């Protein structure tokens, strides 16, 4: 794995040595959830949840299946809205302010347990899909997609269909796609849930290395104990309520 990560770093290090421009994304976003609840019919999926993630922090959210941890992540990313309470990213209430949809699109990247790749598109094209609204020309989108695949160690798999990739490789394509718009907040929902333990470690190594390199805020929902160990801080969701073990 150490060799793998050194290969991922190599393109940027080479660019520095050669004097080429290296993209420097802005610092990570700040996240605040203030007394947020989410109710579906008669079911309380989340109850009076509050948390704070500092810019650039790696925060782990753990809990049993059905505890409400994914609901919390969806509220943070704007995929769902709270029944009550507030969710703020960089001080903006992401559901209520004008332009909030664009704000979410430009600020947040998502990685899910199921990679949701388009099965009839090769890896490069799957990443390019995320750039269709960017204003880039087709050649620019292609170049950017290849750059992102190189960053996650898949430059040599760019023209392969998802069915020709391993589970870990498909998840790394999904990660490259999530990074396409230079998100300052990356949300990962069970990113290691569908891979074996060795691949799980590789994906966690990659997420940690990308977070350090890019300075983005990283929030990971997982039942994997290794995620909590690696994170700067860990929160646990129990029956829809957030408990801070610290």
Foldseek 3Di string as FASTA:
>chain_A
DVVLLVQLCVVVVVCVVVVHDDDAFDAAKKKWWAQFWADDVPATLAGGEIDIFDTLFEEEEEEDPSLNPVVVLCCQLVVDHTPDTAIDINRDRLPPDPPSVVVSLLAEFEAEQPLPFDQVAFLLVSLLVSCPPVPDDPVVSSVLSLNLCSNLPRNVRRRPGPVVDDSLSSSSSSVSSRCSSPHLEYEYEASPVPDDPVSSVSVLVSVVVCSVRRNHYYYYYHNDVVSCVPGPAYWYRGNNYIDGPD
